[in-house]
Amino acid sequence: MSAKRSKYDRNEFELDPAAPVLIPATVNADGVSLQRQIHDVIVRRLQPILDSRGSVMEAWDARWGIDDLPVTFTEVAMVRPGVVKGWVRHAKNTDRVVGVRGDLRWSLYDDREGSPTCGVLNHFVLGPRNPILLVIPIGVWHAAWNLSSTEEAIFLNHPTRAYQHAEPDKELLPLENDVIPYQFP
């Protein structure tokens, strides 16, 4: 399968060494992404509060009104340098992730039948330099790529359903597959 490139990722343009390529805008004048966002994906900017003692950042607050689903479980996950975790999707669970160390590029693909964004691919970089809460709805494929070649990356996940050891809610695909029109560089 040949890699299809996202027009919103300047590192994935097919470049010709003999001719420059004009790259379209990726954000508007207010800094809002121009990528067509997958239906039901939520991106909330988080605000670290810094003072002379250090910092604190709220990672989840039900009062934000993002959803009315419970936080029943929180996990801390690590991705080794240069490694991609995924592709995975859930049939019963919504993921709510926050990058806390390193830069993780989350790729999401919507192949949900009947979704208004079926066939749309999104990319988001999460980490301390771009603190966001990313809500990944049921049925959306997702993978996290640690962009560093030397440092581990860590993220928190506040899923809507606790992990079921006897019956995990995880459907997996290999990184290269015939379902998702994307290949990691």
Protein backbone atom coordinates (compact mmCIF):
# COMPACT_ATOMS: atom_id res chain seq x y z
CA MET A 1 0.00 0.00 0.00
CA SER A 2 1.42 3.40 -0.88
CA ALA A 3 1.39 6.10 1.77
CA LYS A 4 -1.19 8.82 1.37
CA ARG A 5 0.07 12.11 2.70
CA SER A 6 -1.87 14.55 4.82
CA LYS A 7 -1.87 18.03 3.29
CA TYR A 8 -1.65 19.40 6.82
CA ASP A 9 1.72 17.89 7.71
CA ARG A 10 4.63 19.77 6.19
CA ASN A 11 7.01 16.90 6.94
CA GLU A 12 5.03 14.60 4.68
CA PHE A 13 4.85 16.53 1.45
CA GLU A 14 6.30 14.84 -1.56
CA LEU A 15 9.28 17.14 -2.10
CA ASP A 16 11.15 17.52 -5.36
CA PRO A 17 14.81 18.46 -4.81
CA ALA A 18 14.73 20.44 -8.07
CA ALA A 19 11.69 22.62 -7.32
CA PRO A 20 10.31 24.32 -4.21
CA VAL A 21 6.84 23.40 -3.02
CA LEU A 22 4.36 25.91 -1.61
CA ILE A 23 2.95 24.67 1.67
CA PRO A 24 -0.64 25.73 2.49
CA ALA A 25 -1.54 27.30 5.82
CA THR A 26 -2.12 24.80 8.62
CA VAL A 27 -3.75 27.24 11.06
CA ASN A 28 -5.84 30.39 10.75
CA ALA A 29 -4.90 33.83 12.13
CA ASP A 30 -6.20 32.80 15.58
CA GLY A 31 -4.01 29.69 15.64
CA VAL A 32 -6.90 27.29 15.08
CA SER A 33 -6.09 24.22 13.01
CA LEU A 34 -7.49 24.13 9.48
CA GLN A 35 -7.60 20.33 9.33
CA ARG A 36 -11.10 18.91 9.02
CA GLN A 37 -11.59 17.47 12.48
CA ILE A 38 -13.08 14.04 12.93
CA HIS A 39 -16.68 14.12 14.20
CA ASP A 40 -16.91 13.77 18.01
CA VAL A 41 -13.15 14.28 18.54
CA ILE A 42 -12.65 17.00 21.14
CA VAL A 43 -9.50 19.06 21.60
CA ARG A 44 -9.26 21.20 24.71
CA ARG A 45 -6.26 23.42 25.36
CA LEU A 46 -4.91 23.01 28.87
CA GLN A 47 -3.27 25.78 30.83
CA PRO A 48 -0.24 25.05 32.99
CA ILE A 49 0.01 27.41 35.96
CA LEU A 50 3.64 28.26 36.75
CA ASP A 51 5.13 30.03 39.72
CA SER A 52 8.46 30.06 41.56
CA ARG A 53 7.69 26.68 43.18
CA GLY A 54 6.92 24.80 39.98
CA SER A 55 3.75 24.19 38.00
CA VAL A 56 0.36 22.51 38.08
CA MET A 57 -2.03 21.70 35.25
CA GLU A 58 -5.57 20.36 35.40
CA ALA A 59 -5.83 17.32 33.13
CA TRP A 60 -9.56 16.63 33.57
CA ASP A 61 -12.47 18.43 35.19
CA ALA A 62 -16.06 17.27 34.77
CA ARG A 63 -17.16 20.90 35.11
CA TRP A 64 -15.65 21.60 31.67
CA GLY A 65 -18.75 19.92 30.23
CA ILE A 66 -16.80 17.86 27.70
CA ASP A 67 -19.00 14.85 28.32
CA ASP A 68 -21.11 13.40 31.09
CA LEU A 69 -19.36 10.04 31.03
CA PRO A 70 -17.57 8.89 34.18
CA VAL A 71 -13.85 8.85 34.89
CA THR A 72 -13.63 5.32 36.25
CA PHE A 73 -10.00 4.58 35.60
CA THR A 74 -6.78 6.46 34.91
CA GLU A 75 -3.71 4.93 33.34
CA VAL A 76 -0.21 6.23 32.75
CA ALA A 77 1.37 4.92 29.56
CA MET A 78 4.91 5.22 28.23
CA VAL A 79 6.01 5.06 24.60
CA ARG A 80 9.66 4.26 23.93
CA PRO A 81 11.73 6.62 21.73
CA GLY A 82 10.71 6.50 18.06
CA VAL A 83 8.05 3.83 18.68
CA VAL A 84 4.42 3.91 17.50
CA LYS A 85 1.70 2.38 19.70
CA GLY A 86 -1.37 1.50 17.69
CA TRP A 87 -3.46 1.17 15.59
CA VAL A 88 -6.22 0.51 18.11
CA ARG A 89 -9.92 1.28 18.44
CA HIS A 90 -12.53 0.61 21.07
CA ALA A 91 -16.17 -0.50 20.71
CA LYS A 92 -17.29 0.54 24.22
CA ASN A 93 -14.76 3.08 25.41
CA THR A 94 -13.88 6.72 24.78
CA ASP A 95 -10.25 7.66 25.48
CA ARG A 96 -9.32 11.03 27.00
CA VAL A 97 -5.55 11.52 26.73
CA VAL A 98 -3.08 14.16 27.90
CA GLY A 99 0.62 14.15 27.01
CA VAL A 100 2.75 14.83 30.09
CA ARG A 101 6.30 14.11 28.91
CA GLY A 102 7.84 14.22 25.45
CA ASP A 103 6.09 14.90 22.17
CA LEU A 104 3.54 12.30 21.05
CA ARG A 105 1.97 12.59 17.64
CA TRP A 106 -1.51 11.09 17.79
CA SER A 107 -2.94 9.98 14.46
CA LEU A 108 -6.68 9.32 14.31
CA TYR A 109 -8.63 7.75 11.48
CA ASP A 110 -12.41 7.64 11.17
CA ASP A 111 -13.82 4.65 9.29
CA ARG A 112 -17.11 4.59 11.22
CA GLU A 113 -19.96 3.76 8.88
CA GLY A 114 -22.39 6.68 8.75
CA SER A 115 -19.99 9.16 10.33
CA PRO A 116 -19.97 12.56 8.58
CA THR A 117 -16.17 12.39 8.65
CA CYS A 118 -15.73 8.79 7.53
CA GLY A 119 -12.39 8.63 5.70
CA VAL A 120 -10.86 11.63 7.53
CA LEU A 121 -7.39 11.38 9.07
CA ASN A 122 -6.24 13.76 11.84
CA HIS A 123 -2.89 14.37 13.54
CA PHE A 124 -2.32 16.09 16.89
CA VAL A 125 0.92 16.56 18.81
CA LEU A 126 0.48 16.35 22.58
CA GLY A 127 3.04 17.13 25.22
CA PRO A 128 4.22 19.76 27.68
CA ARG A 129 4.85 22.27 24.87
CA ASN A 130 1.37 21.70 23.47
CA PRO A 131 -0.79 20.80 26.48
CA ILE A 132 -4.15 19.56 25.26
CA LEU A 133 -6.76 17.04 26.29
CA LEU A 134 -7.64 14.88 23.28
CA VAL A 135 -10.94 13.00 23.42
CA ILE A 136 -11.01 10.01 21.06
CA PRO A 137 -14.54 8.67 20.53
CA ILE A 138 -15.68 5.08 20.28
CA GLY A 139 -14.82 3.47 16.95
CA VAL A 140 -12.03 5.87 15.87
CA TRP A 141 -8.68 4.24 15.10
CA HIS A 142 -5.75 5.85 16.89
CA ALA A 143 -2.00 5.51 17.26
CA ALA A 144 0.61 7.44 19.25
CA TRP A 145 4.11 8.01 17.85
CA ASN A 146 6.91 9.21 20.13
CA LEU A 147 8.66 11.83 18.00
CA SER A 148 11.86 11.69 20.05
CA SER A 149 14.65 9.30 19.13
CA THR A 150 16.17 9.49 22.63
CA GLU A 151 13.48 10.24 25.26
CA GLU A 152 10.50 8.24 26.47
CA ALA A 153 7.11 9.92 26.13
CA ILE A 154 4.38 9.59 28.75
CA PHE A 155 0.65 10.22 28.56
CA LEU A 156 -2.33 9.95 30.88
CA ASN A 157 -5.56 8.34 29.76
CA HIS A 158 -8.86 8.85 31.57
CA PRO A 159 -11.06 6.38 29.66
CA THR A 160 -14.79 6.21 30.16
CA ARG A 161 -14.60 2.54 31.09
CA ALA A 162 -12.14 0.70 33.32
CA TYR A 163 -9.92 -1.87 31.63
CA GLN A 164 -11.62 -5.26 31.54
CA HIS A 165 -8.89 -7.88 31.97
CA ALA A 166 -11.15 -10.78 31.05
CA GLU A 167 -12.57 -9.02 27.99
CA PRO A 168 -10.36 -6.16 26.70
CA ASP A 169 -12.09 -3.57 24.52
CA LYS A 170 -9.28 -3.32 21.99
CA GLU A 171 -9.29 -4.05 18.30
CA LEU A 172 -5.82 -3.86 16.75
CA LEU A 173 -4.38 -3.36 13.28
CA PRO A 174 -0.73 -3.50 12.25
CA LEU A 175 0.86 -0.13 11.47
CA GLU A 176 0.84 -0.96 7.76
CA ASN A 177 -2.61 -2.16 6.75
CA ASP A 178 -5.27 -1.88 4.06
CA VAL A 179 -7.79 0.00 6.25
CA ILE A 180 -6.01 3.23 7.19
CA PRO A 181 -4.58 5.31 4.32
CA TYR A 182 -1.47 6.40 6.21
CA GLN A 183 2.03 5.15 6.87
CA PHE A 184 4.25 6.47 9.61
CA PRO A 185 7.51 7.98 8.30
